[in-house]
Amino acid sequence: MKQNLKSYLLLSLALLAFNRVCAQEKKAWSELSAFHTVMSQTFHPAEEGDLKPIRERSGELVEKAVAWQNSPIPTEYADVKGIEKSLAALVEGSKALDEAIKAGAKDEAIIRDLSALHDVFHTIVGLCRPGH
């Protein structure tokens, strides 16, 4: 009987610990994830010469960048220097790219500007890594 109770308690503690880890993982910055989805679905095709996705979704990229900038910075990143400035650059770059596309920018300019925006995104991701 004591062995069953002990096993039950150990299993319960293990499940609680697992649930806590899962809850922390779910606490990720959802706006980062939303921006990343659109960025990856437009940037990677552009790398292969397919600019149709970015031409069609540049406005969506702006929306996701603005939503990310307006979202509360998670506590674990609140003291990291450069996040707010980088988010502002991300919004500015997204808007400029969207405007350029709507104005009929040439492929080379779109690729250049999208690549620069991708670099800003990765700067922010780097700032959000533990220990940065």
N, C-alpha and C. Protein backbone atom coordinates (compact mmCIF):
# COMPACT_ATOMS: atom_id res chain seq x y z
N MET A 1 0.82 -1.19 0.00
CA MET A 1 0.00 0.00 0.00
C MET A 1 0.86 1.26 0.00
N LYS A 2 1.91 1.28 0.88
CA LYS A 2 2.79 2.44 0.93
C LYS A 2 3.54 2.61 -0.39
N GLN A 3 3.90 1.50 -1.00
CA GLN A 3 4.62 1.56 -2.28
C GLN A 3 3.74 2.17 -3.35
N ASN A 4 2.44 1.81 -3.38
CA ASN A 4 1.51 2.39 -4.35
C ASN A 4 1.35 3.89 -4.13
N LEU A 5 1.25 4.30 -2.89
CA LEU A 5 1.10 5.72 -2.56
C LEU A 5 2.36 6.48 -2.98
N LYS A 6 3.50 5.89 -2.69
CA LYS A 6 4.77 6.52 -3.05
C LYS A 6 4.88 6.66 -4.57
N SER A 7 4.53 5.63 -5.31
CA SER A 7 4.56 5.67 -6.77
C SER A 7 3.59 6.72 -7.30
N TYR A 8 2.42 6.77 -6.70
CA TYR A 8 1.42 7.75 -7.11
C TYR A 8 1.94 9.16 -6.88
N LEU A 9 2.55 9.42 -5.75
CA LEU A 9 3.08 10.75 -5.45
C LEU A 9 4.21 11.14 -6.40
N LEU A 10 5.09 10.19 -6.68
CA LEU A 10 6.17 10.47 -7.62
C LEU A 10 5.64 10.77 -9.02
N LEU A 11 4.67 10.00 -9.46
CA LEU A 11 4.06 10.22 -10.76
C LEU A 11 3.36 11.58 -10.79
N SER A 12 2.67 11.92 -9.72
CA SER A 12 1.98 13.21 -9.65
C SER A 12 2.96 14.37 -9.73
N LEU A 13 4.07 14.25 -9.00
CA LEU A 13 5.09 15.31 -9.04
C LEU A 13 5.70 15.43 -10.43
N ALA A 14 5.95 14.31 -11.08
CA ALA A 14 6.51 14.34 -12.43
C ALA A 14 5.54 15.02 -13.40
N LEU A 15 4.27 14.71 -13.29
CA LEU A 15 3.26 15.34 -14.16
C LEU A 15 3.15 16.83 -13.90
N LEU A 16 3.22 17.24 -12.66
CA LEU A 16 3.17 18.66 -12.32
C LEU A 16 4.37 19.38 -12.92
N ALA A 17 5.54 18.80 -12.80
CA ALA A 17 6.75 19.41 -13.36
C ALA A 17 6.64 19.52 -14.88
N PHE A 18 6.15 18.45 -15.52
CA PHE A 18 5.99 18.46 -16.97
C PHE A 18 5.00 19.53 -17.40
N ASN A 19 3.88 19.65 -16.70
CA ASN A 19 2.88 20.67 -17.03
C ASN A 19 3.44 22.07 -16.87
N ARG A 20 4.28 22.27 -15.85
CA ARG A 20 4.88 23.59 -15.64
C ARG A 20 5.81 23.95 -16.79
N VAL A 21 6.61 23.00 -17.24
CA VAL A 21 7.51 23.24 -18.37
C VAL A 21 6.69 23.56 -19.62
N CYS A 22 5.65 22.81 -19.87
CA CYS A 22 4.80 23.05 -21.04
C CYS A 22 4.13 24.42 -20.96
N ALA A 23 3.68 24.81 -19.80
CA ALA A 23 3.04 26.11 -19.63
C ALA A 23 4.04 27.22 -19.93
N GLN A 24 5.28 27.06 -19.50
CA GLN A 24 6.30 28.08 -19.77
C GLN A 24 6.59 28.17 -21.26
N GLU A 25 6.63 27.04 -21.94
CA GLU A 25 6.87 27.06 -23.37
C GLU A 25 5.73 27.75 -24.11
N LYS A 26 4.50 27.59 -23.66
CA LYS A 26 3.35 28.20 -24.30
C LYS A 26 3.31 29.70 -24.08
N LYS A 27 4.07 30.18 -23.09
CA LYS A 27 4.08 31.58 -22.75
C LYS A 27 4.93 32.40 -23.74
N ALA A 28 5.41 31.77 -24.80
CA ALA A 28 6.26 32.44 -25.77
C ALA A 28 5.56 33.67 -26.33
N TRP A 29 6.33 34.56 -26.88
CA TRP A 29 5.82 35.80 -27.45
C TRP A 29 5.08 35.47 -28.74
N SER A 30 3.77 35.37 -28.66
CA SER A 30 2.96 34.90 -29.80
C SER A 30 3.07 35.82 -31.01
N GLU A 31 3.28 37.10 -30.79
CA GLU A 31 3.40 38.03 -31.92
C GLU A 31 4.70 37.80 -32.69
N LEU A 32 5.75 37.37 -32.00
CA LEU A 32 6.99 36.98 -32.66
C LEU A 32 6.72 35.82 -33.59
N SER A 33 6.00 34.85 -33.07
CA SER A 33 5.67 33.66 -33.85
C SER A 33 4.81 34.01 -35.07
N ALA A 34 3.84 34.90 -34.88
CA ALA A 34 2.96 35.29 -35.98
C ALA A 34 3.74 36.01 -37.08
N PHE A 35 4.65 36.90 -36.67
CA PHE A 35 5.47 37.59 -37.67
C PHE A 35 6.37 36.59 -38.38
N HIS A 36 6.97 35.70 -37.62
CA HIS A 36 7.87 34.71 -38.21
C HIS A 36 7.17 33.87 -39.27
N THR A 37 5.93 33.51 -39.02
CA THR A 37 5.17 32.71 -39.99
C THR A 37 5.10 33.42 -41.33
N VAL A 38 4.69 34.69 -41.31
CA VAL A 38 4.56 35.43 -42.57
C VAL A 38 5.94 35.67 -43.19
N MET A 39 6.91 36.01 -42.35
CA MET A 39 8.27 36.24 -42.87
C MET A 39 8.79 34.99 -43.57
N SER A 40 8.66 33.85 -42.94
CA SER A 40 9.21 32.63 -43.54
C SER A 40 8.45 32.24 -44.81
N GLN A 41 7.15 32.51 -44.84
CA GLN A 41 6.35 32.14 -46.01
C GLN A 41 6.52 33.11 -47.18
N THR A 42 7.21 34.22 -46.93
CA THR A 42 7.47 35.17 -48.01
C THR A 42 8.97 35.25 -48.34
N PHE A 43 9.81 35.17 -47.32
CA PHE A 43 11.26 35.30 -47.53
C PHE A 43 11.85 34.09 -48.25
N HIS A 44 11.52 32.91 -47.80
CA HIS A 44 12.13 31.71 -48.39
C HIS A 44 11.75 31.53 -49.87
N PRO A 45 10.51 31.77 -50.26
CA PRO A 45 10.23 31.73 -51.71
C PRO A 45 11.01 32.81 -52.48
N ALA A 46 11.18 33.99 -51.86
CA ALA A 46 11.93 35.05 -52.53
C ALA A 46 13.38 34.65 -52.75
N GLU A 47 13.93 33.90 -51.81
CA GLU A 47 15.30 33.40 -51.97
C GLU A 47 15.43 32.55 -53.22
N GLU A 48 14.34 31.89 -53.57
CA GLU A 48 14.32 31.01 -54.75
C GLU A 48 13.84 31.75 -56.00
N GLY A 49 13.62 33.05 -55.88
CA GLY A 49 13.20 33.85 -57.03
C GLY A 49 11.70 34.02 -57.17
N ASP A 50 10.93 33.49 -56.24
CA ASP A 50 9.46 33.61 -56.29
C ASP A 50 9.03 34.78 -55.40
N LEU A 51 8.72 35.91 -56.03
CA LEU A 51 8.33 37.10 -55.27
C LEU A 51 6.81 37.25 -55.13
N LYS A 52 6.08 36.32 -55.69
CA LYS A 52 4.62 36.41 -55.60
C LYS A 52 4.14 36.45 -54.14
N PRO A 53 4.64 35.58 -53.24
CA PRO A 53 4.16 35.64 -51.86
C PRO A 53 4.39 36.99 -51.17
N ILE A 54 5.57 37.59 -51.33
CA ILE A 54 5.80 38.88 -50.68
C ILE A 54 5.00 39.98 -51.35
N ARG A 55 4.83 39.91 -52.65
CA ARG A 55 4.01 40.92 -53.34
C ARG A 55 2.56 40.86 -52.85
N GLU A 56 2.08 39.66 -52.58
CA GLU A 56 0.69 39.49 -52.13
C GLU A 56 0.50 39.73 -50.63
N ARG A 57 1.56 39.55 -49.85
CA ARG A 57 1.39 39.57 -48.38
C ARG A 57 2.18 40.66 -47.67
N SER A 58 2.70 41.62 -48.41
CA SER A 58 3.49 42.68 -47.77
C SER A 58 2.66 43.47 -46.76
N GLY A 59 1.40 43.68 -47.05
CA GLY A 59 0.51 44.37 -46.09
C GLY A 59 0.32 43.55 -44.82
N GLU A 60 0.24 42.25 -44.96
CA GLU A 60 0.12 41.36 -43.81
C GLU A 60 1.39 41.40 -42.95
N LEU A 61 2.53 41.52 -43.60
CA LEU A 61 3.80 41.64 -42.88
C LEU A 61 3.80 42.91 -42.03
N VAL A 62 3.27 44.00 -42.58
CA VAL A 62 3.15 45.26 -41.82
C VAL A 62 2.23 45.05 -40.61
N GLU A 63 1.09 44.43 -40.84
CA GLU A 63 0.13 44.20 -39.74
C GLU A 63 0.77 43.39 -38.61
N LYS A 64 1.50 42.36 -38.97
CA LYS A 64 2.13 41.50 -37.94
C LYS A 64 3.24 42.26 -37.22
N ALA A 65 4.00 43.08 -37.94
CA ALA A 65 5.07 43.86 -37.33
C ALA A 65 4.49 44.88 -36.35
N VAL A 66 3.42 45.56 -36.75
CA VAL A 66 2.79 46.56 -35.88
C VAL A 66 2.19 45.88 -34.64
N ALA A 67 1.54 44.75 -34.85
CA ALA A 67 0.96 44.02 -33.71
C ALA A 67 2.05 43.58 -32.74
N TRP A 68 3.19 43.15 -33.28
CA TRP A 68 4.31 42.72 -32.44
C TRP A 68 4.86 43.91 -31.66
N GLN A 69 5.04 45.03 -32.34
CA GLN A 69 5.56 46.22 -31.67
C GLN A 69 4.61 46.70 -30.56
N ASN A 70 3.31 46.58 -30.79
CA ASN A 70 2.32 47.05 -29.83
C ASN A 70 2.04 46.07 -28.70
N SER A 71 2.55 44.87 -28.82
CA SER A 71 2.30 43.86 -27.78
C SER A 71 3.21 44.11 -26.58
N PRO A 72 2.77 43.68 -25.42
CA PRO A 72 3.65 43.83 -24.24
C PRO A 72 4.88 42.94 -24.38
N ILE A 73 6.02 43.51 -24.03
CA ILE A 73 7.26 42.75 -24.06
C ILE A 73 7.25 41.79 -22.87
N PRO A 74 7.45 40.50 -23.12
CA PRO A 74 7.47 39.55 -22.01
C PRO A 74 8.50 39.95 -20.95
N THR A 75 8.18 39.67 -19.73
CA THR A 75 9.01 40.06 -18.59
C THR A 75 10.46 39.64 -18.77
N GLU A 76 10.69 38.44 -19.29
CA GLU A 76 12.07 37.95 -19.42
C GLU A 76 12.90 38.75 -20.42
N TYR A 77 12.26 39.58 -21.26
CA TYR A 77 12.98 40.39 -22.24
C TYR A 77 12.91 41.88 -21.94
N ALA A 78 12.19 42.26 -20.90
CA ALA A 78 11.93 43.67 -20.61
C ALA A 78 13.19 44.48 -20.42
N ASP A 79 14.24 43.90 -19.89
CA ASP A 79 15.48 44.63 -19.62
C ASP A 79 16.53 44.48 -20.72
N VAL A 80 16.19 43.80 -21.79
CA VAL A 80 17.15 43.58 -22.87
C VAL A 80 17.21 44.85 -23.73
N LYS A 81 18.40 45.40 -23.85
CA LYS A 81 18.58 46.62 -24.66
C LYS A 81 18.41 46.31 -26.13
N GLY A 82 17.72 47.19 -26.82
CA GLY A 82 17.61 47.09 -28.27
C GLY A 82 16.33 46.50 -28.81
N ILE A 83 15.53 45.87 -27.97
CA ILE A 83 14.31 45.24 -28.50
C ILE A 83 13.34 46.28 -29.05
N GLU A 84 13.06 47.31 -28.28
CA GLU A 84 12.10 48.32 -28.73
C GLU A 84 12.59 49.02 -30.00
N LYS A 85 13.87 49.36 -30.03
CA LYS A 85 14.45 50.01 -31.19
C LYS A 85 14.39 49.09 -32.41
N SER A 86 14.68 47.83 -32.22
CA SER A 86 14.65 46.87 -33.32
C SER A 86 13.22 46.62 -33.81
N LEU A 87 12.27 46.59 -32.89
CA LEU A 87 10.87 46.44 -33.31
C LEU A 87 10.41 47.65 -34.12
N ALA A 88 10.85 48.85 -33.71
CA ALA A 88 10.52 50.05 -34.48
C ALA A 88 11.12 49.97 -35.88
N ALA A 89 12.35 49.48 -35.98
CA ALA A 89 12.99 49.31 -37.29
C ALA A 89 12.26 48.27 -38.13
N LEU A 90 11.75 47.23 -37.47
CA LEU A 90 11.00 46.19 -38.18
C LEU A 90 9.71 46.77 -38.77
N VAL A 91 9.01 47.58 -37.99
CA VAL A 91 7.78 48.20 -38.48
C VAL A 91 8.10 49.16 -39.62
N GLU A 92 9.11 49.99 -39.42
CA GLU A 92 9.50 50.95 -40.45
C GLU A 92 9.90 50.24 -41.75
N GLY A 93 10.70 49.20 -41.63
CA GLY A 93 11.12 48.44 -42.81
C GLY A 93 9.97 47.73 -43.49
N SER A 94 9.04 47.20 -42.70
CA SER A 94 7.87 46.51 -43.26
C SER A 94 7.00 47.49 -44.04
N LYS A 95 6.79 48.66 -43.46
CA LYS A 95 5.97 49.68 -44.14
C LYS A 95 6.65 50.15 -45.43
N ALA A 96 7.96 50.38 -45.36
CA ALA A 96 8.68 50.83 -46.56
C ALA A 96 8.64 49.78 -47.66
N LEU A 97 8.79 48.51 -47.29
CA LEU A 97 8.72 47.43 -48.27
C LEU A 97 7.32 47.36 -48.89
N ASP A 98 6.30 47.44 -48.07
CA ASP A 98 4.92 47.40 -48.56
C ASP A 98 4.65 48.55 -49.54
N GLU A 99 5.10 49.74 -49.17
CA GLU A 99 4.90 50.91 -50.03
C GLU A 99 5.67 50.75 -51.35
N ALA A 100 6.88 50.23 -51.27
CA ALA A 100 7.68 50.02 -52.49
C ALA A 100 7.00 49.01 -53.41
N ILE A 101 6.51 47.95 -52.84
CA ILE A 101 5.82 46.92 -53.66
C ILE A 101 4.59 47.53 -54.32
N LYS A 102 3.81 48.27 -53.56
CA LYS A 102 2.59 48.89 -54.11
C LYS A 102 2.92 49.92 -55.19
N ALA A 103 4.14 50.50 -55.11
CA ALA A 103 4.57 51.49 -56.10
C ALA A 103 5.24 50.83 -57.31
N GLY A 104 5.31 49.49 -57.31
CA GLY A 104 5.86 48.77 -58.46
C GLY A 104 7.36 48.57 -58.43
N ALA A 105 7.92 48.40 -57.26
CA ALA A 105 9.37 48.20 -57.12
C ALA A 105 9.85 47.03 -57.96
N LYS A 106 11.08 47.16 -58.42
CA LYS A 106 11.70 46.09 -59.20
C LYS A 106 12.09 44.94 -58.26
N ASP A 107 12.22 43.76 -58.86
CA ASP A 107 12.54 42.55 -58.08
C ASP A 107 13.78 42.72 -57.21
N GLU A 108 14.83 43.30 -57.77
CA GLU A 108 16.09 43.46 -57.03
C GLU A 108 15.89 44.28 -55.76
N ALA A 109 15.11 45.34 -55.86
CA ALA A 109 14.84 46.21 -54.71
C ALA A 109 14.02 45.47 -53.66
N ILE A 110 13.06 44.68 -54.10
CA ILE A 110 12.23 43.91 -53.16
C ILE A 110 13.10 42.89 -52.43
N ILE A 111 13.92 42.19 -53.15
CA ILE A 111 14.79 41.18 -52.53
C ILE A 111 15.74 41.85 -51.53
N ARG A 112 16.33 42.97 -51.91
CA ARG A 112 17.24 43.69 -51.02
C ARG A 112 16.53 44.13 -49.74
N ASP A 113 15.35 44.74 -49.90
CA ASP A 113 14.63 45.26 -48.74
C ASP A 113 14.08 44.14 -47.86
N LEU A 114 13.61 43.07 -48.48
CA LEU A 114 13.12 41.92 -47.71
C LEU A 114 14.26 41.25 -46.96
N SER A 115 15.42 41.16 -47.58
CA SER A 115 16.59 40.58 -46.90
C SER A 115 17.00 41.43 -45.70
N ALA A 116 16.98 42.74 -45.85
CA ALA A 116 17.31 43.64 -44.74
C ALA A 116 16.30 43.47 -43.61
N LEU A 117 15.03 43.34 -43.96
CA LEU A 117 13.99 43.14 -42.96
C LEU A 117 14.18 41.79 -42.25
N HIS A 118 14.56 40.79 -43.00
CA HIS A 118 14.85 39.48 -42.43
C HIS A 118 15.99 39.57 -41.43
N ASP A 119 17.00 40.37 -41.74
CA ASP A 119 18.12 40.57 -40.82
C ASP A 119 17.67 41.24 -39.53
N VAL A 120 16.79 42.22 -39.64
CA VAL A 120 16.26 42.89 -38.43
C VAL A 120 15.48 41.88 -37.59
N PHE A 121 14.69 41.05 -38.24
CA PHE A 121 13.95 40.02 -37.52
C PHE A 121 14.91 39.12 -36.74
N HIS A 122 15.97 38.68 -37.39
CA HIS A 122 16.92 37.80 -36.72
C HIS A 122 17.68 38.51 -35.60
N THR A 123 17.86 39.81 -35.72
CA THR A 123 18.45 40.58 -34.62
C THR A 123 17.56 40.49 -33.40
N ILE A 124 16.27 40.67 -33.60
CA ILE A 124 15.32 40.60 -32.47
C ILE A 124 15.30 39.21 -31.88
N VAL A 125 15.25 38.20 -32.73
CA VAL A 125 15.26 36.82 -32.24
C VAL A 125 16.52 36.57 -31.41
N GLY A 126 17.64 37.08 -31.88
CA GLY A 126 18.89 36.94 -31.13
C GLY A 126 18.82 37.62 -29.77
N LEU A 127 18.17 38.76 -29.71
CA LEU A 127 18.01 39.48 -28.45
C LEU A 127 17.12 38.69 -27.47
N CYS A 128 16.27 37.87 -28.02
CA CYS A 128 15.32 37.10 -27.18
C CYS A 128 15.88 35.75 -26.73
N ARG A 129 17.10 35.47 -27.07
CA ARG A 129 17.72 34.21 -26.65
C ARG A 129 18.19 34.33 -25.21
N PRO A 130 18.08 33.26 -24.45
CA PRO A 130 18.54 33.30 -23.06
C PRO A 130 20.01 33.66 -22.98
N GLY A 131 20.32 34.51 -22.03
CA GLY A 131 21.71 34.88 -21.79
C GLY A 131 22.22 35.99 -22.68
N HIS A 132 21.36 36.54 -23.54
CA HIS A 132 21.84 37.62 -24.41
C HIS A 132 21.95 38.89 -23.61
